[in-house]
């Protein structure tokens, strides 16, 4: 079986100009998806919004869907990387940590994009990427016993980890809950959803 690859993030980004173009394309897509469904956004829409030409777009991506995968993966990875490594101490808490609420708030803020990419016609490759990224972060947090380990975050998480059943279970459950929530139009608030999910996460912790 061929090795699973992460969502495309554009061509090699050693060139600062290429990095700026990629960032401009991703931001243009994020701006456009606030007002239009992903399937209605064209390459022309993106390039006009980004102030770039079509050839620059195709230097990075084959189509708008690939750009959406890249933008979503980059956003999510940045969110996870900035989160603190919570540690096993969190299982004793009666309320969810701010990071759980922040995750759902992020999904709600970009609901149009997540609805398109996590739905039945979305991107299986992106869903696998998000699930794996969450599994790694949950595993790494589980190796820490204190919230005060130097203020470290998940920015330096490894690319892979040993098989961790609880971490994979919680990551899959969180992604499934987020996908169902966004499909239903994000009823309630991120705080309410986080409070509902937290006891289940604690129950799944080793």
Protein backbone atom coordinates (compact mmCIF):
# COMPACT_ATOMS: atom_id res chain seq x y z
CA UNK A 1 0.00 0.00 0.00
CA UNK A 2 1.44 3.43 -0.90
CA UNK A 3 2.38 5.75 1.92
CA UNK A 4 -0.40 8.16 2.91
CA UNK A 5 0.60 11.74 2.15
CA UNK A 6 -0.57 14.88 3.97
CA UNK A 7 -2.81 17.42 2.25
CA UNK A 8 -0.97 19.43 -0.38
CA UNK A 9 0.63 22.63 0.83
CA UNK A 10 1.87 23.89 -2.52
CA UNK A 11 5.28 23.57 -4.13
CA UNK A 12 8.57 23.80 -2.25
CA UNK A 13 8.46 26.96 -0.15
CA UNK A 14 12.19 27.81 0.00
CA UNK A 15 11.50 30.87 -2.14
CA UNK A 16 10.12 33.75 0.00
CA UNK A 17 8.06 34.97 -2.96
CA UNK A 18 6.50 31.51 -3.31
CA UNK A 19 5.67 31.53 0.40
CA UNK A 20 4.00 34.92 0.07
CA UNK A 21 1.99 33.72 -2.92
CA UNK A 22 0.89 30.61 -1.05
CA UNK A 23 -0.18 32.66 1.96
CA UNK A 24 -2.08 35.07 -0.28
CA UNK A 25 -3.93 32.23 -2.02
CA UNK A 26 -4.84 30.56 1.27
CA UNK A 27 -6.10 33.81 2.78
CA UNK A 28 -8.10 34.64 -0.34
CA UNK A 29 -9.82 31.27 -0.13
CA UNK A 30 -10.56 31.76 3.59
CA UNK A 31 -12.06 35.18 2.85
CA UNK A 32 -14.18 33.91 -0.04
CA UNK A 33 -15.56 30.89 1.78
CA UNK A 34 -17.18 33.21 4.32
CA UNK A 35 -19.63 34.33 1.65
CA UNK A 36 -19.76 31.46 -0.86
CA UNK A 37 -19.91 27.68 -0.66
CA UNK A 38 -16.60 26.05 -1.51
CA UNK A 39 -18.04 24.39 -4.62
CA UNK A 40 -19.02 27.78 -6.03
CA UNK A 41 -15.54 29.32 -5.72
CA UNK A 42 -13.46 29.34 -8.90
CA UNK A 43 -9.77 29.74 -9.57
CA UNK A 44 -10.59 33.15 -11.05
CA UNK A 45 -12.31 34.16 -7.81
CA UNK A 46 -9.26 33.19 -5.77
CA UNK A 47 -6.66 34.81 -8.01
CA UNK A 48 -8.65 38.04 -8.28
CA UNK A 49 -8.99 38.20 -4.49
CA UNK A 50 -5.30 37.38 -3.97
CA UNK A 51 -4.10 39.79 -6.65
CA UNK A 52 -2.24 37.00 -8.46
CA UNK A 53 -2.49 35.41 -11.89
CA UNK A 54 -3.75 31.96 -12.78
CA UNK A 55 -0.29 30.62 -13.59
CA UNK A 56 0.82 31.41 -10.04
CA UNK A 57 -2.19 29.52 -8.70
CA UNK A 58 -1.36 26.46 -10.80
CA UNK A 59 2.27 26.64 -9.67
CA UNK A 60 0.92 25.71 -6.25
CA UNK A 61 -2.34 23.79 -6.69
CA UNK A 62 -4.23 21.82 -9.33
CA UNK A 63 -7.63 23.15 -8.26
CA UNK A 64 -9.57 25.06 -5.60
CA UNK A 65 -10.30 21.93 -3.57
CA UNK A 66 -6.57 21.25 -3.16
CA UNK A 67 -6.08 24.85 -2.04
CA UNK A 68 -8.90 24.40 0.49
CA UNK A 69 -7.23 21.27 1.88
CA UNK A 70 -3.96 23.15 2.24
CA UNK A 71 -5.54 26.21 3.88
CA UNK A 72 -7.54 24.10 6.31
CA UNK A 73 -4.57 21.90 7.25
CA UNK A 74 -2.36 24.95 7.78
CA UNK A 75 -4.95 26.64 10.01
CA UNK A 76 -5.56 23.52 12.06
CA UNK A 77 -1.88 22.73 12.46
CA UNK A 78 -1.24 26.27 13.64
CA UNK A 79 -4.04 26.00 16.18
CA UNK A 80 -2.73 22.71 17.57
CA UNK A 81 0.90 23.84 17.54
CA UNK A 82 0.07 26.89 19.68
CA UNK A 83 -1.85 24.85 22.28
CA UNK A 84 -0.06 23.99 25.54
CA UNK A 85 0.77 20.41 26.42
CA UNK A 86 -1.86 19.89 29.09
CA UNK A 87 -0.67 16.69 30.74
CA UNK A 88 -2.50 13.89 32.52
CA UNK A 89 -3.52 16.23 35.33
CA UNK A 90 -6.45 17.43 33.23
CA UNK A 91 -8.46 14.26 33.83
CA UNK A 92 -9.12 15.44 37.38
CA UNK A 93 -10.73 18.68 36.24
CA UNK A 94 -14.47 19.12 36.37
CA UNK A 95 -14.53 21.60 33.52
CA UNK A 96 -12.93 21.40 30.08
CA UNK A 97 -9.71 23.30 29.43
CA UNK A 98 -9.84 26.41 27.29
CA UNK A 99 -8.09 24.53 24.48
CA UNK A 100 -11.10 22.27 23.90
CA UNK A 101 -13.45 25.23 23.65
CA UNK A 102 -10.97 27.03 21.40
CA UNK A 103 -10.96 24.06 19.03
CA UNK A 104 -14.74 24.17 18.59
CA UNK A 105 -14.71 27.97 18.32
CA UNK A 106 -12.18 27.65 15.50
CA UNK A 107 -14.39 25.14 13.69
CA UNK A 108 -17.41 27.41 14.09
CA UNK A 109 -15.48 30.43 12.80
CA UNK A 110 -14.58 28.55 9.62
CA UNK A 111 -17.79 26.49 9.44
CA UNK A 112 -18.27 26.80 5.66
CA UNK A 113 -14.83 25.37 4.98
CA UNK A 114 -15.04 22.56 7.54
CA UNK A 115 -18.56 21.67 6.41
CA UNK A 116 -17.33 21.19 2.87
CA UNK A 117 -14.14 19.30 3.74
CA UNK A 118 -15.44 17.11 6.58
CA UNK A 119 -18.74 16.22 4.89
CA UNK A 120 -19.57 13.18 2.74
CA UNK A 121 -18.15 14.82 -0.38
CA UNK A 122 -15.14 16.26 1.43
CA UNK A 123 -11.50 15.29 1.67
CA UNK A 124 -10.64 11.91 3.18
CA UNK A 125 -6.97 12.88 3.02
CA UNK A 126 -7.57 16.04 5.05
CA UNK A 127 -9.72 14.18 7.57
CA UNK A 128 -6.93 11.64 8.06
CA UNK A 129 -4.42 14.48 8.48
CA UNK A 130 -6.53 16.24 11.14
CA UNK A 131 -7.19 12.98 12.99
CA UNK A 132 -3.50 12.09 13.02
CA UNK A 133 -2.46 15.61 14.12
CA UNK A 134 -4.91 15.43 17.02
CA UNK A 135 -3.83 11.91 17.96
CA UNK A 136 -0.19 12.98 18.18
CA UNK A 137 -1.04 16.04 20.29
CA UNK A 138 -3.22 14.02 22.68
CA UNK A 139 -0.51 11.36 23.02
CA UNK A 140 2.17 13.97 23.73
CA UNK A 141 -0.04 15.68 26.31
CA UNK A 142 -0.58 12.33 27.97
CA UNK A 143 3.16 11.98 28.54
CA UNK A 144 3.19 15.13 30.69
CA UNK A 145 2.19 15.10 34.34
CA UNK A 146 2.12 18.82 34.98
CA UNK A 147 0.71 21.90 33.26
CA UNK A 148 3.86 23.79 34.26
CA UNK A 149 6.53 22.03 32.20
CA UNK A 150 8.14 25.21 30.93
CA UNK A 151 5.09 26.48 29.06
CA UNK A 152 5.79 24.11 26.17
CA UNK A 153 3.39 23.84 23.26
CA UNK A 154 2.79 21.28 20.54
CA UNK A 155 4.89 23.12 17.98
CA UNK A 156 7.66 20.51 18.24
CA UNK A 157 5.46 17.41 18.28
CA UNK A 158 6.92 14.40 16.44
CA UNK A 159 5.57 13.41 13.04
CA UNK A 160 4.53 10.00 14.37
CA UNK A 161 4.01 8.17 17.66
CA UNK A 162 3.62 4.60 18.92
CA UNK A 163 0.14 3.12 18.63
CA UNK A 164 -1.91 4.83 21.37
CA UNK A 165 -5.47 3.49 21.51
CA UNK A 166 -6.92 6.09 23.93
CA UNK A 167 -5.33 8.98 22.01
CA UNK A 168 -6.62 7.69 18.68
CA UNK A 169 -10.06 7.07 20.18
CA UNK A 170 -10.37 10.58 21.62
CA UNK A 171 -9.01 12.22 18.45
CA UNK A 172 -11.46 10.33 16.26
CA UNK A 173 -14.34 11.13 18.58
CA UNK A 174 -13.51 14.84 18.69
CA UNK A 175 -13.27 15.04 14.91
CA UNK A 176 -16.55 13.17 14.52
CA UNK A 177 -18.31 15.46 17.00
CA UNK A 178 -16.93 18.54 15.25
CA UNK A 179 -18.02 17.26 11.83
CA UNK A 180 -21.54 16.46 13.04
CA UNK A 181 -21.82 19.80 14.85
CA UNK A 182 -20.77 21.85 11.83
CA UNK A 183 -23.05 19.83 9.54
CA UNK A 184 -26.00 20.80 11.76
CA UNK A 185 -25.11 24.50 11.63
CA UNK A 186 -23.15 24.64 14.93
CA UNK A 187 -26.13 24.65 17.34
CA UNK A 188 -25.37 26.03 20.79
CA UNK A 189 -22.02 27.54 21.67
CA UNK A 190 -18.46 26.17 21.59
CA UNK A 191 -18.49 26.36 25.40
CA UNK A 192 -21.62 24.21 25.62
CA UNK A 193 -20.27 21.64 23.19
CA UNK A 194 -16.95 21.52 25.01
CA UNK A 195 -18.73 20.96 28.33
CA UNK A 196 -20.76 18.12 26.82
CA UNK A 197 -17.71 16.42 25.32
CA UNK A 198 -15.34 16.79 28.25
CA UNK A 199 -16.80 14.05 30.54
CA UNK A 200 -16.59 11.62 27.63
CA UNK A 201 -12.96 12.53 27.04
CA UNK A 202 -12.16 12.02 30.71
CA UNK A 203 -13.88 8.64 30.61
CA UNK A 204 -11.70 7.58 27.69
CA UNK A 205 -8.46 8.64 29.38
CA UNK A 206 -6.22 5.85 30.76
